[in-house]
Amino acid sequence: MRNRFDTYVAVFMEEGGYTVPRFVTGIPSHNSAVWEAGKPAMPFTSQSYAEDVVQGLTLNGYPAAVVRFLHGVEVENPV
């Protein structure tokens, strides 16, 4: 049996001298993404779409990466 994975987009922010990942929680329009504190991360059904979001974020100056977790692991942004 193969393991299932969920795909997320992480944006890396500097906070207090540390690099903290913030996960994208929503895509309100075709050219924006939001990452809100205390909200669960938005899983992407398509890895290529997640890679497109990462490309857009990095072109706008936000370091970002596609992250995959085992299915069932709950991912939430810290408050």
C-alpha atoms as a PDB file:
ATOM      1  CA  MET A   1       0.000   0.000   0.000  1.00  0.00           C
ATOM      2  CA  ARG A   2       1.360   3.400  -0.949  1.00  0.00           C
ATOM      3  CA  ASN A   3       1.352   6.346   1.411  1.00  0.00           C
ATOM      4  CA  ARG A   4      -0.787   9.324   0.417  1.00  0.00           C
ATOM      5  CA  PHE A   5       0.613  12.815   0.719  1.00  0.00           C
ATOM      6  CA  ASP A   6      -0.993  16.254   0.934  1.00  0.00           C
ATOM      7  CA  THR A   7       0.684  19.197  -0.802  1.00  0.00           C
ATOM      8  CA  TYR A   8       0.972  22.627   0.823  1.00  0.00           C
ATOM      9  CA  VAL A   9       2.745  25.905   0.085  1.00  0.00           C
ATOM     10  CA  ALA A  10       4.991  27.363   2.795  1.00  0.00           C
ATOM     11  CA  VAL A  11       6.138  30.985   2.875  1.00  0.00           C
ATOM     12  CA  PHE A  12       9.244  31.601   4.980  1.00  0.00           C
ATOM     13  CA  MET A  13       9.168  34.692   7.204  1.00  0.00           C
ATOM     14  CA  GLU A  14      11.772  36.225   9.529  1.00  0.00           C
ATOM     15  CA  GLU A  15      10.435  36.584  13.074  1.00  0.00           C
ATOM     16  CA  GLY A  16      12.628  37.409  16.062  1.00  0.00           C
ATOM     17  CA  GLY A  17      15.811  36.296  14.325  1.00  0.00           C
ATOM     18  CA  TYR A  18      14.340  32.934  13.280  1.00  0.00           C
ATOM     19  CA  THR A  19      12.944  31.734   9.968  1.00  0.00           C
ATOM     20  CA  VAL A  20       9.361  30.567  10.499  1.00  0.00           C
ATOM     21  CA  PRO A  21       7.239  28.780   7.870  1.00  0.00           C
ATOM     22  CA  ARG A  22       3.754  30.194   7.305  1.00  0.00           C
ATOM     23  CA  PHE A  23       1.422  28.030   5.247  1.00  0.00           C
ATOM     24  CA  VAL A  24      -0.897  29.457   2.608  1.00  0.00           C
ATOM     25  CA  THR A  25      -4.464  29.391   3.980  1.00  0.00           C
ATOM     26  CA  GLY A  26      -6.302  30.637   0.912  1.00  0.00           C
ATOM     27  CA  ILE A  27      -6.195  31.941  -2.647  1.00  0.00           C
ATOM     28  CA  PRO A  28      -8.799  34.766  -2.747  1.00  0.00           C
ATOM     29  CA  SER A  29      -8.089  35.633  -6.396  1.00  0.00           C
ATOM     30  CA  HIS A  30      -5.925  34.347  -9.238  1.00  0.00           C
ATOM     31  CA  ASN A  31      -3.043  36.655  -8.373  1.00  0.00           C
ATOM     32  CA  SER A  32      -2.888  36.607  -4.572  1.00  0.00           C
ATOM     33  CA  ALA A  33      -2.335  34.233  -1.670  1.00  0.00           C
ATOM     34  CA  VAL A  34      -2.903  34.708   2.059  1.00  0.00           C
ATOM     35  CA  TRP A  35      -1.351  33.084   5.123  1.00  0.00           C
ATOM     36  CA  GLU A  36      -3.275  33.867   8.302  1.00  0.00           C
ATOM     37  CA  ALA A  37      -2.166  33.098  11.861  1.00  0.00           C
ATOM     38  CA  GLY A  38      -4.076  30.347  13.629  1.00  0.00           C
ATOM     39  CA  LYS A  39      -5.777  29.081  10.451  1.00  0.00           C
ATOM     40  CA  PRO A  40      -5.326  25.592   8.972  1.00  0.00           C
ATOM     41  CA  ALA A  41      -3.181  25.281   5.859  1.00  0.00           C
ATOM     42  CA  MET A  42      -4.908  24.921   2.499  1.00  0.00           C
ATOM     43  CA  PRO A  43      -4.093  21.597   0.792  1.00  0.00           C
ATOM     44  CA  PHE A  44      -3.468  21.810  -2.951  1.00  0.00           C
ATOM     45  CA  THR A  45      -4.904  18.997  -5.061  1.00  0.00           C
ATOM     46  CA  SER A  46      -2.416  19.623  -7.857  1.00  0.00           C
ATOM     47  CA  GLN A  47       1.318  19.824  -7.238  1.00  0.00           C
ATOM     48  CA  SER A  48       1.795  21.815 -10.451  1.00  0.00           C
ATOM     49  CA  TYR A  49      -0.673  24.453  -9.188  1.00  0.00           C
ATOM     50  CA  ALA A  50       1.238  24.627  -5.881  1.00  0.00           C
ATOM     51  CA  GLU A  51       4.466  25.103  -7.861  1.00  0.00           C
ATOM     52  CA  ASP A  52       2.829  27.943  -9.830  1.00  0.00           C
ATOM     53  CA  VAL A  53       1.841  29.639  -6.551  1.00  0.00           C
ATOM     54  CA  VAL A  54       5.411  29.250  -5.257  1.00  0.00           C
ATOM     55  CA  GLN A  55       6.783  30.761  -8.456  1.00  0.00           C
ATOM     56  CA  GLY A  56       4.462  33.768  -8.120  1.00  0.00           C
ATOM     57  CA  LEU A  57       5.398  34.264  -4.469  1.00  0.00           C
ATOM     58  CA  THR A  58       9.131  34.092  -5.142  1.00  0.00           C
ATOM     59  CA  LEU A  59       8.856  36.505  -8.063  1.00  0.00           C
ATOM     60  CA  ASN A  60       7.184  38.937  -5.644  1.00  0.00           C
ATOM     61  CA  GLY A  61      10.009  38.652  -3.108  1.00  0.00           C
ATOM     62  CA  TYR A  62       8.639  36.008  -0.726  1.00  0.00           C
ATOM     63  CA  PRO A  63      10.808  32.918  -0.200  1.00  0.00           C
ATOM     64  CA  ALA A  64       8.447  29.960  -0.614  1.00  0.00           C
ATOM     65  CA  ALA A  65       8.493  26.213  -1.271  1.00  0.00           C
ATOM     66  CA  VAL A  66       6.159  23.296  -1.928  1.00  0.00           C
ATOM     67  CA  VAL A  67       5.919  21.056   1.160  1.00  0.00           C
ATOM     68  CA  ARG A  68       4.402  17.567   1.282  1.00  0.00           C
ATOM     69  CA  PHE A  69       3.148  15.865   4.450  1.00  0.00           C
ATOM     70  CA  LEU A  70       1.679  12.421   4.971  1.00  0.00           C
ATOM     71  CA  HIS A  71      -2.091  12.485   4.531  1.00  0.00           C
ATOM     72  CA  GLY A  72      -3.836  13.041   7.856  1.00  0.00           C
ATOM     73  CA  VAL A  73      -1.162  15.273   9.407  1.00  0.00           C
ATOM     74  CA  GLU A  74      -2.839  18.514  10.481  1.00  0.00           C
ATOM     75  CA  VAL A  75      -0.913  21.645   9.487  1.00  0.00           C
ATOM     76  CA  GLU A  76      -1.825  24.980  11.049  1.00  0.00           C
ATOM     77  CA  ASN A  77      -0.114  28.351  11.194  1.00  0.00           C
ATOM     78  CA  PRO A  78       1.162  29.388  14.627  1.00  0.00           C
ATOM     79  CA  VAL A  79      -0.584  32.298  16.305  1.00  0.00           C
END
